[in-house]
Amino acid sequence: MSKEERELYDSDVKAKSDCNAGIRYAEKKAEEEGKLEEKLEIACNLKSKAIAFEIIAETTGLSIDEIEKI
C-alpha cells in the first residue's frame, strides 16, 4: 500500500470511527432524556396523589426544586 493509499485508508477509518462515536452519543443522550421523562412522569403522578415531596425526591432521584416546578 502506498503512502497516499494508507493516508486515504486512515482517513476513512477515522471518519467511520467519528460517525460511530456520534451515533453512540446520540443514543446515550436519547436514553438519558427518556429516563428523565419517565422520572418526571412518575413524580407528577405521585405529586397528584399528595405524596410528600421528600418521598418523591427519594423515589425518583429528582430534586425538590424540580418536583415543585412540575
PDB file of N, CA and C in Angstrom:
ATOM      1  N   MET A   1       0.855  -1.171   0.000  1.00  0.00           N
ATOM      2  CA  MET A   1       0.000   0.000   0.000  1.00  0.00           C
ATOM      3  C   MET A   1       0.906   1.240   0.000  1.00  0.00           C
ATOM      4  N   SER A   2       0.606   2.156  -0.895  1.00  0.00           N
ATOM      5  CA  SER A   2       1.414   3.372  -0.976  1.00  0.00           C
ATOM      6  C   SER A   2       1.072   4.302   0.187  1.00  0.00           C
ATOM      7  N   LYS A   3       1.913   5.304   0.363  1.00  0.00           N
ATOM      8  CA  LYS A   3       1.693   6.272   1.441  1.00  0.00           C
ATOM      9  C   LYS A   3       0.352   6.988   1.248  1.00  0.00           C
ATOM     10  N   GLU A   4       0.059   7.347   0.008  1.00  0.00           N
ATOM     11  CA  GLU A   4      -1.192   8.042  -0.290  1.00  0.00           C
ATOM     12  C   GLU A   4      -2.397   7.137  -0.007  1.00  0.00           C
ATOM     13  N   GLU A   5      -2.307   5.884  -0.404  1.00  0.00           N
ATOM     14  CA  GLU A   5      -3.390   4.937  -0.143  1.00  0.00           C
ATOM     15  C   GLU A   5      -3.582   4.737   1.364  1.00  0.00           C
ATOM     16  N   ARG A   6      -2.465   4.654   2.069  1.00  0.00           N
ATOM     17  CA  ARG A   6      -2.524   4.475   3.520  1.00  0.00           C
ATOM     18  C   ARG A   6      -3.194   5.679   4.188  1.00  0.00           C
ATOM     19  N   GLU A   7      -2.870   6.879   3.731  1.00  0.00           N
ATOM     20  CA  GLU A   7      -3.477   8.090   4.284  1.00  0.00           C
ATOM     21  C   GLU A   7      -4.981   8.117   4.015  1.00  0.00           C
ATOM     22  N   LEU A   8      -5.378   7.712   2.805  1.00  0.00           N
ATOM     23  CA  LEU A   8      -6.800   7.654   2.477  1.00  0.00           C
ATOM     24  C   LEU A   8      -7.516   6.619   3.349  1.00  0.00           C
ATOM     25  N   TYR A   9      -6.869   5.474   3.525  1.00  0.00           N
ATOM     26  CA  TYR A   9      -7.431   4.420   4.369  1.00  0.00           C
ATOM     27  C   TYR A   9      -7.589   4.914   5.807  1.00  0.00           C
ATOM     28  N   ASP A  10      -6.535   5.506   6.347  1.00  0.00           N
ATOM     29  CA  ASP A  10      -6.580   6.022   7.720  1.00  0.00           C
ATOM     30  C   ASP A  10      -7.668   7.081   7.880  1.00  0.00           C
ATOM     31  N   SER A  11      -7.802   7.930   6.868  1.00  0.00           N
ATOM     32  CA  SER A  11      -8.819   8.976   6.897  1.00  0.00           C
ATOM     33  C   SER A  11     -10.222   8.360   6.909  1.00  0.00           C
ATOM     34  N   ASP A  12     -10.412   7.322   6.103  1.00  0.00           N
ATOM     35  CA  ASP A  12     -11.702   6.641   6.044  1.00  0.00           C
ATOM     36  C   ASP A  12     -12.021   5.959   7.376  1.00  0.00           C
ATOM     37  N   VAL A  13     -11.038   5.304   7.959  1.00  0.00           N
ATOM     38  CA  VAL A  13     -11.231   4.635   9.248  1.00  0.00           C
ATOM     39  C   VAL A  13     -11.600   5.661  10.318  1.00  0.00           C
ATOM     40  N   LYS A  14     -10.918   6.795  10.325  1.00  0.00           N
ATOM     41  CA  LYS A  14     -11.204   7.841  11.308  1.00  0.00           C
ATOM     42  C   LYS A  14     -12.615   8.397  11.115  1.00  0.00           C
ATOM     43  N   ALA A  15     -13.012   8.612   9.859  1.00  0.00           N
ATOM     44  CA  ALA A  15     -14.347   9.140   9.584  1.00  0.00           C
ATOM     45  C   ALA A  15     -15.425   8.174  10.078  1.00  0.00           C
ATOM     46  N   LYS A  16     -15.224   6.883   9.834  1.00  0.00           N
ATOM     47  CA  LYS A  16     -16.192   5.885  10.299  1.00  0.00           C
ATOM     48  C   LYS A  16     -16.230   5.834  11.821  1.00  0.00           C
ATOM     49  N   SER A  17     -15.072   5.936  12.439  1.00  0.00           N
ATOM     50  CA  SER A  17     -14.993   5.924  13.899  1.00  0.00           C
ATOM     51  C   SER A  17     -15.709   7.143  14.484  1.00  0.00           C
ATOM     52  N   ASP A  18     -15.485   8.309  13.880  1.00  0.00           N
ATOM     53  CA  ASP A  18     -16.149   9.536  14.332  1.00  0.00           C
ATOM     54  C   ASP A  18     -17.665   9.418  14.185  1.00  0.00           C
ATOM     55  N   CYS A  19     -18.093   8.841  13.076  1.00  0.00           N
ATOM     56  CA  CYS A  19     -19.524   8.664  12.829  1.00  0.00           C
ATOM     57  C   CYS A  19     -20.126   7.735  13.877  1.00  0.00           C
ATOM     58  N   ASN A  20     -19.457   6.633  14.141  1.00  0.00           N
ATOM     59  CA  ASN A  20     -19.946   5.689  15.150  1.00  0.00           C
ATOM     60  C   ASN A  20     -19.994   6.328  16.532  1.00  0.00           C
ATOM     61  N   ALA A  21     -19.000   7.139  16.851  1.00  0.00           N
ATOM     62  CA  ALA A  21     -18.984   7.830  18.142  1.00  0.00           C
ATOM     63  C   ALA A  21     -20.170   8.788  18.237  1.00  0.00           C
ATOM     64  N   GLY A  22     -20.471   9.465  17.151  1.00  0.00           N
ATOM     65  CA  GLY A  22     -21.615  10.375  17.122  1.00  0.00           C
ATOM     66  C   GLY A  22     -22.928   9.644  17.326  1.00  0.00           C
ATOM     67  N   ILE A  23     -23.041   8.488  16.715  1.00  0.00           N
ATOM     68  CA  ILE A  23     -24.250   7.679  16.870  1.00  0.00           C
ATOM     69  C   ILE A  23     -24.392   7.208  18.311  1.00  0.00           C
ATOM     70  N   ARG A  24     -23.299   6.723  18.888  1.00  0.00           N
ATOM     71  CA  ARG A  24     -23.342   6.262  20.283  1.00  0.00           C
ATOM     72  C   ARG A  24     -23.725   7.405  21.222  1.00  0.00           C
ATOM     73  N   TYR A  25     -23.179   8.597  20.969  1.00  0.00           N
ATOM     74  CA  TYR A  25     -23.503   9.764  21.793  1.00  0.00           C
ATOM     75  C   TYR A  25     -24.995  10.090  21.688  1.00  0.00           C
ATOM     76  N   ALA A  26     -25.520  10.092  20.474  1.00  0.00           N
ATOM     77  CA  ALA A  26     -26.935  10.407  20.272  1.00  0.00           C
ATOM     78  C   ALA A  26     -27.830   9.373  20.944  1.00  0.00           C
ATOM     79  N   GLU A  27     -27.445   8.103  20.853  1.00  0.00           N
ATOM     80  CA  GLU A  27     -28.226   7.050  21.502  1.00  0.00           C
ATOM     81  C   GLU A  27     -28.224   7.221  23.019  1.00  0.00           C
ATOM     82  N   LYS A  28     -27.059   7.534  23.576  1.00  0.00           N
ATOM     83  CA  LYS A  28     -26.953   7.720  25.024  1.00  0.00           C
ATOM     84  C   LYS A  28     -27.787   8.919  25.467  1.00  0.00           C
ATOM     85  N   LYS A  29     -27.704  10.004  24.705  1.00  0.00           N
ATOM     86  CA  LYS A  29     -28.455  11.218  25.028  1.00  0.00           C
ATOM     87  C   LYS A  29     -29.962  10.939  24.992  1.00  0.00           C
ATOM     88  N   ALA A  30     -30.412  10.205  23.986  1.00  0.00           N
ATOM     89  CA  ALA A  30     -31.831   9.871  23.869  1.00  0.00           C
ATOM     90  C   ALA A  30     -32.276   8.999  25.036  1.00  0.00           C
ATOM     91  N   GLU A  31     -31.425   8.065  25.426  1.00  0.00           N
ATOM     92  CA  GLU A  31     -31.743   7.194  26.560  1.00  0.00           C
ATOM     93  C   GLU A  31     -31.856   8.008  27.845  1.00  0.00           C
ATOM     94  N   GLU A  32     -30.933   8.940  28.047  1.00  0.00           N
ATOM     95  CA  GLU A  32     -30.969   9.790  29.243  1.00  0.00           C
ATOM     96  C   GLU A  32     -32.224  10.652  29.265  1.00  0.00           C
ATOM     97  N   GLU A  33     -32.595  11.202  28.104  1.00  0.00           N
ATOM     98  CA  GLU A  33     -33.792  12.037  28.032  1.00  0.00           C
ATOM     99  C   GLU A  33     -35.037  11.214  28.327  1.00  0.00           C
ATOM    100  N   GLY A  34     -35.059   9.981  27.831  1.00  0.00           N
ATOM    101  CA  GLY A  34     -36.185   9.092  28.105  1.00  0.00           C
ATOM    102  C   GLY A  34     -36.304   8.783  29.582  1.00  0.00           C
ATOM    103  N   LYS A  35     -35.173   8.564  30.233  1.00  0.00           N
ATOM    104  CA  LYS A  35     -35.185   8.287  31.670  1.00  0.00           C
ATOM    105  C   LYS A  35     -35.679   9.504  32.445  1.00  0.00           C
ATOM    106  N   LEU A  36     -35.252  10.695  32.039  1.00  0.00           N
ATOM    107  CA  LEU A  36     -35.699  11.912  32.717  1.00  0.00           C
ATOM    108  C   LEU A  36     -37.203  12.091  32.549  1.00  0.00           C
ATOM    109  N   GLU A  37     -37.698  11.875  31.327  1.00  0.00           N
ATOM    110  CA  GLU A  37     -39.136  11.998  31.093  1.00  0.00           C
ATOM    111  C   GLU A  37     -39.910  11.017  31.973  1.00  0.00           C
ATOM    112  N   GLU A  38     -39.388   9.807  32.103  1.00  0.00           N
ATOM    113  CA  GLU A  38     -40.039   8.800  32.941  1.00  0.00           C
ATOM    114  C   GLU A  38     -40.054   9.243  34.406  1.00  0.00           C
ATOM    115  N   LYS A  39     -38.939   9.777  34.891  1.00  0.00           N
ATOM    116  CA  LYS A  39     -38.872  10.262  36.273  1.00  0.00           C
ATOM    117  C   LYS A  39     -39.867  11.396  36.495  1.00  0.00           C
ATOM    118  N   LEU A  40     -39.946  12.307  35.535  1.00  0.00           N
ATOM    119  CA  LEU A  40     -40.874  13.431  35.663  1.00  0.00           C
ATOM    120  C   LEU A  40     -42.319  12.954  35.670  1.00  0.00           C
ATOM    121  N   GLU A  41     -42.624  11.974  34.846  1.00  0.00           N
ATOM    122  CA  GLU A  41     -43.980  11.435  34.801  1.00  0.00           C
ATOM    123  C   GLU A  41     -44.337  10.758  36.128  1.00  0.00           C
ATOM    124  N   ILE A  42     -43.416   9.979  36.656  1.00  0.00           N
ATOM    125  CA  ILE A  42     -43.645   9.327  37.953  1.00  0.00           C
ATOM    126  C   ILE A  42     -43.842  10.381  39.036  1.00  0.00           C
ATOM    127  N   ALA A  43     -42.980  11.390  39.041  1.00  0.00           N
ATOM    128  CA  ALA A  43     -43.087  12.458  40.040  1.00  0.00           C
ATOM    129  C   ALA A  43     -44.425  13.175  39.932  1.00  0.00           C
ATOM    130  N   CYS A  44     -44.851  13.424  38.719  1.00  0.00           N
ATOM    131  CA  CYS A  44     -46.132  14.103  38.508  1.00  0.00           C
ATOM    132  C   CYS A  44     -47.282  13.255  39.052  1.00  0.00           C
ATOM    133  N   ASN A  45     -47.238  11.961  38.792  1.00  0.00           N
ATOM    134  CA  ASN A  45     -48.285  11.065  39.301  1.00  0.00           C
ATOM    135  C   ASN A  45     -48.287  11.024  40.827  1.00  0.00           C
ATOM    136  N   LEU A  46     -47.109  10.927  41.427  1.00  0.00           N
ATOM    137  CA  LEU A  46     -47.018  10.898  42.891  1.00  0.00           C
ATOM    138  C   LEU A  46     -47.473  12.226  43.490  1.00  0.00           C
ATOM    139  N   LYS A  47     -47.094  13.316  42.842  1.00  0.00           N
ATOM    140  CA  LYS A  47     -47.483  14.645  43.324  1.00  0.00           C
ATOM    141  C   LYS A  47     -49.005  14.798  43.286  1.00  0.00           C
ATOM    142  N   SER A  48     -49.634  14.264  42.248  1.00  0.00           N
ATOM    143  CA  SER A  48     -51.095  14.363  42.138  1.00  0.00           C
ATOM    144  C   SER A  48     -51.805  13.542  43.212  1.00  0.00           C
ATOM    145  N   LYS A  49     -51.098  12.602  43.812  1.00  0.00           N
ATOM    146  CA  LYS A  49     -51.654  11.790  44.896  1.00  0.00           C
ATOM    147  C   LYS A  49     -51.258  12.341  46.268  1.00  0.00           C
ATOM    148  N   ALA A  50     -50.723  13.560  46.277  1.00  0.00           N
ATOM    149  CA  ALA A  50     -50.349  14.274  47.501  1.00  0.00           C
ATOM    150  C   ALA A  50     -49.269  13.551  48.306  1.00  0.00           C
ATOM    151  N   ILE A  51     -48.364  12.884  47.607  1.00  0.00           N
ATOM    152  CA  ILE A  51     -47.223  12.244  48.265  1.00  0.00           C
ATOM    153  C   ILE A  51     -46.221  13.346  48.613  1.00  0.00           C
ATOM    154  N   ALA A  52     -45.600  13.245  49.772  1.00  0.00           N
ATOM    155  CA  ALA A  52     -44.637  14.257  50.223  1.00  0.00           C
ATOM    156  C   ALA A  52     -43.493  14.394  49.219  1.00  0.00           C
ATOM    157  N   PHE A  53     -43.091  15.640  48.986  1.00  0.00           N
ATOM    158  CA  PHE A  53     -42.029  15.914  48.018  1.00  0.00           C
ATOM    159  C   PHE A  53     -40.734  15.186  48.370  1.00  0.00           C
ATOM    160  N   GLU A  54     -40.469  15.046  49.653  1.00  0.00           N
ATOM    161  CA  GLU A  54     -39.243  14.355  50.077  1.00  0.00           C
ATOM    162  C   GLU A  54     -39.260  12.897  49.620  1.00  0.00           C
ATOM    163  N   ILE A  55     -40.424  12.272  49.709  1.00  0.00           N
ATOM    164  CA  ILE A  55     -40.558  10.873  49.275  1.00  0.00           C
ATOM    165  C   ILE A  55     -40.443  10.788  47.756  1.00  0.00           C
ATOM    166  N   ILE A  56     -41.055  11.730  47.054  1.00  0.00           N
ATOM    167  CA  ILE A  56     -40.960  11.753  45.592  1.00  0.00           C
ATOM    168  C   ILE A  56     -39.502  11.923  45.176  1.00  0.00           C
ATOM    169  N   ALA A  57     -38.804  12.836  45.837  1.00  0.00           N
ATOM    170  CA  ALA A  57     -37.395  13.076  45.518  1.00  0.00           C
ATOM    171  C   ALA A  57     -36.569  11.818  45.762  1.00  0.00           C
ATOM    172  N   GLU A  58     -36.819  11.161  46.874  1.00  0.00           N
ATOM    173  CA  GLU A  58     -36.080   9.939  47.208  1.00  0.00           C
ATOM    174  C   GLU A  58     -36.379   8.827  46.198  1.00  0.00           C
ATOM    175  N   THR A  59     -37.622   8.745  45.766  1.00  0.00           N
ATOM    176  CA  THR A  59     -38.050   7.692  44.851  1.00  0.00           C
ATOM    177  C   THR A  59     -37.530   7.907  43.434  1.00  0.00           C
ATOM    178  N   THR A  60     -37.560   9.153  42.971  1.00  0.00           N
ATOM    179  CA  THR A  60     -37.220   9.438  41.575  1.00  0.00           C
ATOM    180  C   THR A  60     -35.789   9.906  41.360  1.00  0.00           C
ATOM    181  N   GLY A  61     -35.177  10.413  42.415  1.00  0.00           N
ATOM    182  CA  GLY A  61     -33.843  10.986  42.254  1.00  0.00           C
ATOM    183  C   GLY A  61     -33.874  12.438  41.801  1.00  0.00           C
ATOM    184  N   LEU A  62     -35.062  12.991  41.658  1.00  0.00           N
ATOM    185  CA  LEU A  62     -35.194  14.405  41.295  1.00  0.00           C
ATOM    186  C   LEU A  62     -35.028  15.260  42.544  1.00  0.00           C
ATOM    187  N   SER A  63     -34.666  16.522  42.331  1.00  0.00           N
ATOM    188  CA  SER A  63     -34.562  17.437  43.468  1.00  0.00           C
ATOM    189  C   SER A  63     -35.952  17.957  43.825  1.00  0.00           C
ATOM    190  N   ILE A  64     -36.075  18.467  45.027  1.00  0.00           N
ATOM    191  CA  ILE A  64     -37.356  19.037  45.454  1.00  0.00           C
ATOM    192  C   ILE A  64     -37.705  20.237  44.579  1.00  0.00           C
ATOM    193  N   ASP A  65     -36.705  21.018  44.190  1.00  0.00           N
ATOM    194  CA  ASP A  65     -36.954  22.153  43.288  1.00  0.00           C
ATOM    195  C   ASP A  65     -37.551  21.678  41.970  1.00  0.00           C
ATOM    196  N   GLU A  66     -37.007  20.596  41.419  1.00  0.00           N
ATOM    197  CA  GLU A  66     -37.532  20.055  40.157  1.00  0.00           C
ATOM    198  C   GLU A  66     -38.975  19.588  40.333  1.00  0.00           C
ATOM    199  N   ILE A  67     -39.255  18.974  41.463  1.00  0.00           N
ATOM    200  CA  ILE A  67     -40.606  18.470  41.729  1.00  0.00           C
ATOM    201  C   ILE A  67     -41.584  19.627  41.887  1.00  0.00           C
ATOM    202  N   GLU A  68     -41.169  20.685  42.568  1.00  0.00           N
ATOM    203  CA  GLU A  68     -42.043  21.848  42.753  1.00  0.00           C
ATOM    204  C   GLU A  68     -42.409  22.493  41.419  1.00  0.00           C
ATOM    205  N   LYS A  69     -41.531  22.412  40.441  1.00  0.00           N
ATOM    206  CA  LYS A  69     -41.764  23.045  39.138  1.00  0.00           C
ATOM    207  C   LYS A  69     -42.716  22.250  38.245  1.00  0.00           C
ATOM    208  N   ILE A  70     -43.012  21.025  38.639  1.00  0.00           N
ATOM    209  CA  ILE A  70     -43.890  20.182  37.813  1.00  0.00           C
ATOM    210  C   ILE A  70     -45.319  20.661  37.955  1.00  0.00           C
TER     211      ILE A  70
END
